[in-house]
């Protein structure tokens, strides 16, 4: 039996000069690698490759949906020199 591990990230994506939109990202260690996400901390700029998945489910509050990115690659971007 193989156990797959996942790291969940919540990115803030700028919306054309308005506000930051939250975007959940699931990074499976078998695909992305645990070391890749270990060095990422709050405030880091990242480039994420993957595909969007929309999930539907029911809860006590009724039907809901969630859209997330299932990452196939993540790269921490270098900060520009001041």
N, C-alpha and C. Protein backbone atom coordinates (compact mmCIF):
# COMPACT_ATOMS: atom_id res chain seq x y z
N UNK A 1 0.84 -1.18 0.00
CA UNK A 1 0.00 0.00 0.00
C UNK A 1 0.89 1.25 0.00
N UNK A 2 0.65 2.15 -0.93
CA UNK A 2 1.40 3.38 -1.04
C UNK A 2 0.58 4.53 -0.46
N UNK A 3 1.23 5.32 0.38
CA UNK A 3 0.57 6.48 0.95
C UNK A 3 1.07 7.72 0.23
N UNK A 4 0.17 8.48 -0.36
CA UNK A 4 0.54 9.71 -1.07
C UNK A 4 0.34 10.90 -0.14
N UNK A 5 1.33 11.79 -0.13
CA UNK A 5 1.25 12.98 0.69
C UNK A 5 1.00 14.19 -0.20
N UNK A 6 0.31 15.17 0.37
CA UNK A 6 -0.02 16.38 -0.37
C UNK A 6 0.23 17.59 0.52
N UNK A 7 0.70 18.68 -0.08
CA UNK A 7 0.82 19.95 0.62
C UNK A 7 -0.20 20.88 0.00
N UNK A 8 -0.99 21.52 0.85
CA UNK A 8 -1.98 22.47 0.36
C UNK A 8 -1.47 23.88 0.59
N UNK A 9 -1.49 24.68 -0.45
CA UNK A 9 -1.08 26.08 -0.39
C UNK A 9 -2.28 26.95 -0.71
N UNK A 10 -2.30 28.14 -0.17
CA UNK A 10 -3.32 29.12 -0.54
C UNK A 10 -2.58 30.34 -1.08
N UNK A 11 -2.70 30.54 -2.40
CA UNK A 11 -2.04 31.67 -3.04
C UNK A 11 -2.98 32.86 -3.08
N UNK A 12 -2.40 34.05 -3.12
CA UNK A 12 -3.17 35.28 -3.32
C UNK A 12 -2.82 35.81 -4.69
N UNK A 13 -3.81 35.87 -5.57
CA UNK A 13 -3.60 36.27 -6.95
C UNK A 13 -4.21 37.66 -7.15
N UNK A 14 -3.40 38.64 -7.63
CA UNK A 14 -3.94 39.98 -7.84
C UNK A 14 -4.99 40.00 -8.96
N UNK A 15 -6.07 40.71 -8.71
CA UNK A 15 -7.15 40.84 -9.70
C UNK A 15 -7.12 42.26 -10.27
N UNK A 16 -6.48 42.45 -11.38
CA UNK A 16 -6.43 43.71 -12.14
C UNK A 16 -6.60 44.97 -11.29
N UNK A 17 -5.68 45.20 -10.37
CA UNK A 17 -5.66 46.42 -9.58
C UNK A 17 -6.74 46.55 -8.53
N UNK A 18 -7.45 45.49 -8.23
CA UNK A 18 -8.54 45.58 -7.26
C UNK A 18 -8.18 44.96 -5.92
N UNK A 19 -8.21 43.67 -5.88
CA UNK A 19 -8.01 42.94 -4.63
C UNK A 19 -7.23 41.66 -4.90
N UNK A 20 -6.90 40.96 -3.84
CA UNK A 20 -6.23 39.68 -3.98
C UNK A 20 -7.26 38.56 -3.88
N UNK A 21 -7.24 37.68 -4.85
CA UNK A 21 -8.16 36.54 -4.85
C UNK A 21 -7.46 35.31 -4.30
N UNK A 22 -8.08 34.61 -3.34
CA UNK A 22 -7.47 33.38 -2.82
C UNK A 22 -7.60 32.25 -3.83
N UNK A 23 -6.51 31.48 -4.00
CA UNK A 23 -6.52 30.35 -4.92
C UNK A 23 -5.87 29.16 -4.24
N UNK A 24 -6.66 28.13 -3.88
CA UNK A 24 -6.06 26.94 -3.27
C UNK A 24 -5.29 26.12 -4.30
N UNK A 25 -4.15 25.57 -3.85
CA UNK A 25 -3.29 24.73 -4.69
C UNK A 25 -2.99 23.44 -3.94
N UNK A 26 -3.18 22.31 -4.60
CA UNK A 26 -2.82 21.01 -4.03
C UNK A 26 -1.56 20.53 -4.75
N UNK A 27 -0.50 20.31 -4.00
CA UNK A 27 0.78 19.84 -4.57
C UNK A 27 1.06 18.44 -4.04
N UNK A 28 0.78 17.43 -4.86
CA UNK A 28 1.04 16.04 -4.47
C UNK A 28 2.53 15.79 -4.52
N UNK A 29 3.08 15.22 -3.48
CA UNK A 29 4.53 15.00 -3.37
C UNK A 29 5.05 14.04 -4.44
N UNK A 30 4.23 13.10 -4.88
CA UNK A 30 4.67 12.18 -5.92
C UNK A 30 4.85 12.88 -7.26
N UNK A 31 4.15 14.00 -7.47
CA UNK A 31 4.24 14.76 -8.72
C UNK A 31 5.20 15.93 -8.61
N UNK A 32 5.06 16.72 -7.56
CA UNK A 32 5.83 17.96 -7.41
C UNK A 32 7.12 17.73 -6.62
N UNK A 33 7.08 16.90 -5.63
CA UNK A 33 8.24 16.67 -4.77
C UNK A 33 8.15 17.47 -3.49
N UNK A 34 8.38 16.82 -2.38
CA UNK A 34 8.26 17.47 -1.07
C UNK A 34 9.27 18.60 -0.90
N UNK A 35 10.48 18.43 -1.41
CA UNK A 35 11.52 19.46 -1.26
C UNK A 35 11.14 20.76 -1.96
N UNK A 36 10.39 20.65 -3.05
CA UNK A 36 9.99 21.83 -3.80
C UNK A 36 9.15 22.77 -2.96
N UNK A 37 8.21 22.23 -2.20
CA UNK A 37 7.32 23.08 -1.40
C UNK A 37 7.88 23.42 -0.03
N UNK A 38 8.89 22.68 0.43
CA UNK A 38 9.46 22.94 1.75
C UNK A 38 10.06 24.34 1.87
N UNK A 39 10.66 24.86 0.80
CA UNK A 39 11.33 26.15 0.86
C UNK A 39 10.42 27.35 0.62
N UNK A 40 9.12 27.13 0.43
CA UNK A 40 8.19 28.22 0.15
C UNK A 40 7.57 28.70 1.45
N UNK A 41 7.64 30.01 1.68
CA UNK A 41 7.05 30.61 2.88
C UNK A 41 6.10 31.73 2.47
N UNK A 42 5.31 32.19 3.42
CA UNK A 42 4.35 33.26 3.18
C UNK A 42 5.07 34.48 2.61
N UNK A 43 4.52 35.03 1.54
CA UNK A 43 5.09 36.21 0.90
C UNK A 43 5.97 35.92 -0.30
N UNK A 44 6.34 34.65 -0.50
CA UNK A 44 7.16 34.28 -1.66
C UNK A 44 6.34 34.35 -2.95
N UNK A 45 6.97 34.80 -4.02
CA UNK A 45 6.35 34.75 -5.34
C UNK A 45 6.65 33.38 -5.94
N UNK A 46 5.62 32.74 -6.50
CA UNK A 46 5.80 31.41 -7.08
C UNK A 46 5.14 31.34 -8.45
N UNK A 47 5.63 30.42 -9.25
CA UNK A 47 5.04 30.09 -10.54
C UNK A 47 4.50 28.67 -10.41
N UNK A 48 3.21 28.50 -10.70
CA UNK A 48 2.56 27.20 -10.55
C UNK A 48 2.08 26.71 -11.90
N UNK A 49 2.43 25.47 -12.24
CA UNK A 49 1.93 24.79 -13.44
C UNK A 49 0.95 23.74 -12.95
N UNK A 50 -0.13 23.53 -13.67
CA UNK A 50 -1.08 22.50 -13.29
C UNK A 50 -2.39 22.66 -14.02
N UNK A 51 -3.42 22.09 -13.46
CA UNK A 51 -4.74 22.21 -14.08
C UNK A 51 -5.78 22.55 -13.02
N UNK A 52 -6.81 23.27 -13.45
CA UNK A 52 -7.90 23.64 -12.56
C UNK A 52 -8.86 22.48 -12.40
N UNK A 53 -9.30 22.27 -11.17
CA UNK A 53 -10.28 21.23 -10.88
C UNK A 53 -11.40 21.88 -10.08
N UNK A 54 -12.62 21.64 -10.49
CA UNK A 54 -13.76 22.14 -9.73
C UNK A 54 -14.47 20.94 -9.12
N UNK A 55 -14.60 20.98 -7.82
CA UNK A 55 -15.22 19.87 -7.09
C UNK A 55 -16.57 20.32 -6.54
N UNK A 56 -17.54 19.44 -6.58
CA UNK A 56 -18.88 19.71 -6.06
C UNK A 56 -19.16 18.76 -4.90
N UNK A 57 -19.80 19.27 -3.87
CA UNK A 57 -20.16 18.42 -2.74
C UNK A 57 -21.36 19.01 -2.01
N UNK A 58 -21.96 18.20 -1.19
CA UNK A 58 -23.11 18.64 -0.38
C UNK A 58 -22.72 18.62 1.09
N UNK A 59 -23.23 19.61 1.79
CA UNK A 59 -23.04 19.66 3.24
C UNK A 59 -24.37 20.06 3.87
N UNK A 60 -24.38 20.25 5.16
CA UNK A 60 -25.60 20.66 5.84
C UNK A 60 -26.12 21.99 5.33
N UNK A 61 -25.24 22.81 4.77
CA UNK A 61 -25.64 24.12 4.26
C UNK A 61 -26.11 24.05 2.79
N UNK A 62 -26.10 22.87 2.19
CA UNK A 62 -26.53 22.72 0.81
C UNK A 62 -25.37 22.38 -0.12
N UNK A 63 -25.60 22.55 -1.42
CA UNK A 63 -24.59 22.23 -2.42
C UNK A 63 -23.52 23.33 -2.45
N UNK A 64 -22.28 22.91 -2.59
CA UNK A 64 -21.15 23.86 -2.64
C UNK A 64 -20.19 23.40 -3.72
N UNK A 65 -19.30 24.31 -4.11
CA UNK A 65 -18.25 23.94 -5.05
C UNK A 65 -16.94 24.58 -4.62
N UNK A 66 -15.85 24.00 -5.06
CA UNK A 66 -14.51 24.48 -4.76
C UNK A 66 -13.67 24.35 -6.02
N UNK A 67 -12.97 25.41 -6.38
CA UNK A 67 -12.05 25.37 -7.51
C UNK A 67 -10.64 25.45 -6.97
N UNK A 68 -9.77 24.55 -7.39
CA UNK A 68 -8.38 24.55 -6.95
C UNK A 68 -7.47 24.17 -8.10
N UNK A 69 -6.19 24.48 -7.95
CA UNK A 69 -5.18 24.06 -8.92
C UNK A 69 -4.53 22.79 -8.40
N UNK A 70 -4.48 21.76 -9.20
CA UNK A 70 -3.70 20.57 -8.88
C UNK A 70 -2.37 20.76 -9.60
N UNK A 71 -1.33 21.03 -8.81
CA UNK A 71 -0.03 21.42 -9.36
C UNK A 71 0.72 20.24 -9.96
N UNK A 72 1.32 20.49 -11.12
CA UNK A 72 2.26 19.53 -11.71
C UNK A 72 3.68 20.07 -11.60
N UNK A 73 3.81 21.33 -11.19
CA UNK A 73 5.11 21.94 -10.98
C UNK A 73 4.98 23.25 -10.24
N UNK A 74 5.93 23.54 -9.36
CA UNK A 74 5.96 24.80 -8.62
C UNK A 74 7.42 25.28 -8.60
N UNK A 75 7.59 26.57 -8.87
CA UNK A 75 8.92 27.15 -8.83
C UNK A 75 8.87 28.44 -8.02
N UNK A 76 9.76 28.54 -7.03
CA UNK A 76 9.87 29.77 -6.25
C UNK A 76 10.63 30.78 -7.12
N UNK A 77 10.06 31.98 -7.27
CA UNK A 77 10.66 33.01 -8.11
C UNK A 77 11.61 33.87 -7.28
N UNK A 78 12.67 34.31 -7.92
CA UNK A 78 13.63 35.19 -7.25
C UNK A 78 13.03 36.58 -7.09
N UNK A 79 13.29 37.21 -5.97
CA UNK A 79 12.84 38.58 -5.73
C UNK A 79 13.78 39.53 -6.49
N UNK A 80 13.22 40.56 -7.13
CA UNK A 80 14.08 41.51 -7.85
C UNK A 80 15.00 42.25 -6.88
N UNK A 81 16.21 42.55 -7.34
CA UNK A 81 17.17 43.28 -6.50
C UNK A 81 16.67 44.69 -6.26
N UNK A 82 16.87 45.18 -5.05
CA UNK A 82 16.38 46.52 -4.69
C UNK A 82 17.25 47.60 -5.27
